[in-house]
Protein backbone atom coordinates (compact mmCIF):
# COMPACT_ATOMS: atom_id res chain seq x y z
CA MET A 1 1.49 55.96 -116.13
CA SER A 2 -2.03 56.72 -114.96
CA ALA A 3 -4.52 54.03 -113.93
CA GLU A 4 -6.46 54.71 -117.12
CA ASP A 5 -3.33 54.27 -119.26
CA PHE A 6 -2.46 51.02 -117.47
CA ASP A 7 -5.98 49.65 -117.92
CA GLY A 8 -5.94 50.57 -121.60
CA GLU A 9 -2.55 48.93 -122.16
CA TRP A 10 -3.68 45.78 -120.31
CA GLU A 11 -6.83 45.55 -122.42
CA SER A 12 -4.79 45.99 -125.60
CA VAL A 13 -2.38 43.18 -124.65
CA SER A 14 -5.25 40.96 -123.52
CA ASP A 15 -7.17 41.51 -126.76
CA ASN A 16 -4.06 40.79 -128.83
CA VAL A 17 -3.37 37.55 -126.96
CA LEU A 18 -7.02 36.55 -127.28
CA ALA A 19 -6.91 37.05 -131.05
CA ARG A 20 -3.63 35.15 -131.46
CA LEU A 21 -4.75 32.23 -129.30
CA ARG A 22 -8.11 32.05 -131.07
CA ASP A 23 -6.36 32.06 -134.46
CA ALA A 24 -3.99 29.30 -133.33
CA ILE A 25 -7.02 27.19 -132.43
CA LEU A 26 -8.98 27.94 -135.60
CA GLU A 27 -5.95 27.36 -137.85
CA GLY A 28 -5.39 23.95 -136.25
CA GLU A 29 -2.09 24.79 -134.54
CA ILE A 30 -3.83 23.70 -131.34
CA PRO A 31 -6.29 21.05 -132.56
CA PRO A 32 -9.66 20.14 -130.98
CA GLY A 33 -9.18 18.26 -127.71
CA ALA A 34 -5.54 19.36 -127.31
CA LYS A 35 -4.20 20.81 -124.07
CA ILE A 36 -3.24 24.49 -124.06
CA SER A 37 0.24 24.62 -122.53
CA GLU A 38 0.66 27.90 -120.66
CA PRO A 39 4.50 27.73 -120.61
CA GLU A 40 4.63 26.94 -124.33
CA MET A 41 2.13 29.64 -125.31
CA SER A 42 3.85 32.21 -123.08
CA ARG A 43 7.16 31.54 -124.81
CA LYS A 44 5.62 31.51 -128.27
CA PHE A 45 3.76 34.80 -127.78
CA GLY A 46 6.51 36.41 -125.70
CA ILE A 47 4.13 37.32 -122.87
CA SER A 48 3.60 36.65 -119.18
CA ARG A 49 1.06 34.10 -117.93
CA ALA A 50 -1.46 36.72 -116.75
CA PRO A 51 -2.77 37.94 -120.14
CA LEU A 52 -2.65 34.37 -121.45
CA ARG A 53 -4.85 33.14 -118.61
CA GLU A 54 -7.24 36.02 -119.25
CA ALA A 55 -7.43 35.03 -122.93
CA ILE A 56 -8.09 31.40 -121.99
CA ARG A 57 -10.84 32.50 -119.61
CA ARG A 58 -12.51 34.57 -122.33
CA LEU A 59 -12.33 31.71 -124.82
CA GLU A 60 -13.84 29.45 -122.18
CA GLU A 61 -16.77 31.89 -121.91
CA ARG A 62 -17.23 31.51 -125.68
CA SER A 63 -17.23 27.69 -125.43
CA LEU A 64 -14.06 27.36 -127.51
CA VAL A 65 -12.01 26.17 -124.54
CA THR A 66 -12.95 23.88 -121.67
CA ARG A 67 -11.25 23.22 -118.34
CA VAL A 68 -10.62 19.61 -117.36
CA PRO A 69 -10.01 18.85 -113.65
CA ARG A 70 -6.30 18.26 -112.94
CA GLN A 71 -5.49 18.67 -116.64
CA GLY A 72 -5.95 22.38 -117.26
CA ALA A 73 -7.44 24.08 -120.30
CA ARG A 74 -8.12 22.24 -123.53
CA VAL A 75 -9.57 23.20 -126.88
CA VAL A 76 -13.11 21.91 -126.99
CA ALA A 77 -13.31 18.43 -128.50
CA LEU A 78 -15.73 18.12 -131.39
CA ASP A 79 -17.79 14.97 -131.80
CA ALA A 80 -20.78 14.32 -134.04
CA LYS A 81 -23.27 15.16 -131.27
CA LYS A 82 -21.68 18.54 -130.55
CA VAL A 83 -21.40 19.46 -134.23
CA ASN A 84 -25.02 18.46 -134.81
CA ASP A 85 -26.17 20.56 -131.84
CA ILE A 86 -24.22 23.62 -132.99
CA PHE A 87 -25.54 23.40 -136.54
CA GLN A 88 -29.10 22.98 -135.31
CA LEU A 89 -28.61 26.22 -133.39
CA ARG A 90 -27.12 27.89 -136.48
CA GLU A 91 -30.04 26.73 -138.58
CA ALA A 92 -32.56 28.35 -136.25
CA ILE A 93 -30.68 31.58 -135.57
CA GLU A 94 -29.30 32.25 -139.05
CA GLY A 95 -32.71 31.37 -140.48
CA MET A 96 -34.10 34.14 -138.29
CA ALA A 97 -31.31 36.47 -139.43
CA ALA A 98 -32.21 35.86 -143.09
CA ARG A 99 -35.89 36.49 -142.33
CA GLU A 100 -35.09 39.80 -140.63
CA ALA A 101 -32.60 40.77 -143.34
CA ALA A 102 -35.37 40.44 -145.94
CA VAL A 103 -37.28 43.08 -143.98
CA HIS A 104 -34.49 45.51 -143.12
CA ILE A 105 -31.80 45.20 -145.79
CA THR A 106 -30.91 48.24 -147.91
CA GLN A 107 -30.17 48.26 -151.63
CA PRO A 108 -26.45 48.98 -151.08
CA GLU A 109 -26.30 45.92 -148.80
CA ILE A 110 -27.99 43.80 -151.47
CA ASP A 111 -25.39 45.03 -153.96
CA LEU A 112 -22.61 44.04 -151.54
CA LEU A 113 -24.07 40.54 -151.23
CA ARG A 114 -24.14 40.24 -155.01
CA GLU A 115 -20.49 41.29 -155.10
CA ALA A 116 -19.71 38.69 -152.43
CA LEU A 117 -21.30 35.98 -154.57
CA GLU A 118 -19.29 37.10 -157.58
CA ARG A 119 -16.06 36.84 -155.54
CA GLN A 120 -17.06 33.28 -154.62
CA ARG A 121 -17.51 32.39 -158.28
CA LEU A 122 -14.14 33.91 -159.18
CA ALA A 123 -12.44 32.01 -156.34
CA LYS A 124 -13.89 28.74 -157.57
CA GLN A 125 -12.79 29.46 -161.14
CA ALA A 126 -9.27 30.26 -159.94
CA MET A 127 -8.98 27.04 -157.91
CA PRO A 128 -11.53 24.59 -159.37
CA ASP A 129 -10.02 21.46 -157.78
CA ASP A 130 -9.49 22.81 -154.26
CA PRO A 131 -11.52 25.95 -153.53
CA SER A 132 -11.71 25.32 -149.78
CA ALA A 133 -9.18 27.89 -148.53
CA PRO A 134 -10.40 31.01 -150.38
CA PHE A 135 -14.05 29.97 -150.28
CA ARG A 136 -14.12 29.59 -146.49
CA GLY A 137 -13.33 33.24 -145.87
CA LEU A 138 -15.76 34.41 -148.55
CA ASP A 139 -18.46 32.17 -147.09
CA ILE A 140 -17.98 33.78 -143.68
CA ASP A 141 -18.18 37.26 -145.24
CA TYR A 142 -21.45 36.37 -146.98
CA HIS A 143 -23.13 34.96 -143.88
CA SER A 144 -21.85 37.83 -141.71
CA ALA A 145 -23.32 40.41 -144.09
CA ILE A 146 -26.75 38.79 -143.83
CA VAL A 147 -26.51 38.69 -140.04
CA ARG A 148 -25.62 42.40 -139.92
CA ALA A 149 -28.54 43.20 -142.23
CA SER A 150 -30.94 41.68 -139.68
CA ARG A 151 -30.44 44.79 -137.51
CA ASN A 152 -30.84 42.61 -134.40
CA GLU A 153 -27.97 43.63 -132.11
CA PHE A 154 -28.25 40.60 -129.84
CA LEU A 155 -28.33 38.18 -132.75
CA ILE A 156 -25.33 39.93 -134.30
CA LYS A 157 -23.36 39.71 -131.03
CA PHE A 158 -24.30 36.06 -130.55
CA LEU A 159 -23.08 35.00 -133.99
CA SER A 160 -20.16 37.39 -134.46
CA GLU A 161 -18.73 37.31 -130.93
CA ASP A 162 -20.18 34.86 -128.41
CA TYR A 163 -20.21 31.73 -130.57
CA HIS A 164 -18.27 32.82 -133.65
CA GLY A 165 -15.15 30.84 -132.74
CA LEU A 166 -17.03 27.64 -131.97
CA ILE A 167 -19.08 27.90 -135.16
CA GLU A 168 -15.92 28.54 -137.18
CA LEU A 169 -14.18 25.55 -135.58
CA CYS A 170 -17.10 23.37 -136.70
CA ARG A 171 -17.02 24.85 -140.19
CA ARG A 172 -13.39 23.84 -140.54
CA GLN A 173 -14.34 20.20 -140.12
CA GLN A 174 -16.13 20.47 -143.46
CA ARG A 175 -14.33 19.02 -146.44
CA ARG A 176 -14.92 21.43 -149.32
CA ARG A 177 -15.41 19.18 -152.32
CA PRO A 178 -15.83 21.06 -155.63
CA GLN A 179 -19.41 19.74 -155.95
CA ARG A 180 -20.29 21.00 -152.47
CA THR A 181 -18.81 24.41 -153.26
CA GLU A 182 -20.91 24.64 -156.42
CA ARG A 183 -24.05 23.62 -154.53
CA SER A 184 -23.27 26.07 -151.74
CA MET A 185 -23.04 28.94 -154.23
CA LEU A 186 -26.41 27.99 -155.72
CA GLU A 187 -27.89 27.95 -152.22
CA HIS A 188 -26.34 31.35 -151.52
CA GLN A 189 -27.97 32.67 -154.69
CA ARG A 190 -31.39 31.37 -153.58
CA ILE A 191 -30.99 33.03 -150.19
CA LEU A 192 -29.99 36.32 -151.80
CA ASP A 193 -32.87 36.16 -154.29
CA ALA A 194 -35.38 35.73 -151.46
CA ILE A 195 -33.85 38.57 -149.44
CA ALA A 196 -33.76 40.89 -152.46
CA ASP A 197 -37.41 40.00 -153.19
CA ARG A 198 -38.29 41.02 -149.60
CA ASP A 199 -39.68 37.53 -148.95
CA PRO A 200 -38.96 36.76 -145.26
CA GLU A 201 -40.48 33.26 -145.27
CA MET A 202 -38.54 32.10 -148.32
CA ALA A 203 -35.33 33.73 -147.06
CA GLU A 204 -35.59 31.84 -143.77
CA LEU A 205 -36.43 28.56 -145.50
CA ALA A 206 -33.54 28.89 -147.96
CA MET A 207 -31.06 29.66 -145.17
CA ARG A 208 -32.26 26.79 -142.99
CA ARG A 209 -31.97 24.34 -145.87
CA HIS A 210 -28.49 25.64 -146.68
CA ILE A 211 -27.20 25.11 -143.15
CA ALA A 212 -28.95 21.74 -142.80
CA ARG A 213 -27.12 20.52 -145.91
CA ALA A 214 -23.80 21.83 -144.57
CA ARG A 215 -24.47 19.96 -141.31
CA GLN A 216 -25.18 16.76 -143.21
CA ASP A 217 -21.97 17.17 -145.22
CA ILE A 218 -19.83 17.65 -142.11
CA LEU A 219 -21.40 14.73 -140.24
CA GLU A 220 -20.88 12.44 -143.23
CA HIS A 221 -17.24 13.53 -143.35
CA MET A 222 -16.80 12.88 -139.61
CA ASN A 223 -18.39 9.43 -139.84
CA ASN A 224 -16.18 8.28 -142.74
């Protein structure tokens, strides 16, 4: 095997372990604040410690994992202060993304956003009492499409790679009540209307209000 082949195989294994470990965290298999046991994860994934440690290091860079002296690596613990800080950051950055999307978005992208909203409505109709599971993925798709339409490569990387896992971990603290899902879809429609109207100021305002309400909902849930 050449050096290039070895490097490629190592990167493939490392990326696979990274994805599996991240999914285990986001799905709650390793909950916030819990220690990441290297022996246990190595056995579970059927891998050596080296790619696992590399995956932990990369998740630490993305603020999803933290190292505690003499205790090892742990999933970041979420408290009200941290969730509030993250959502304040989301409000500012995704508000900017919506503003830029209103300037740069194409008609096919607008059509895709409309289709995304229709899928949200269908998901709610299919599971009116508990729409949280299907709606979460559709919500991510909707927000991601707006971020991509901003055409800002650094903003896209920040939200889709650097802090995606941490943002998603916070999102999963949100209890999706049917009323909140209905309100969220109305807010999504307002955001889309502003973007389709090429109104940057209104698009930013609608997005900021949407995320501020989501933050309030999560913090109320955490405090109860």
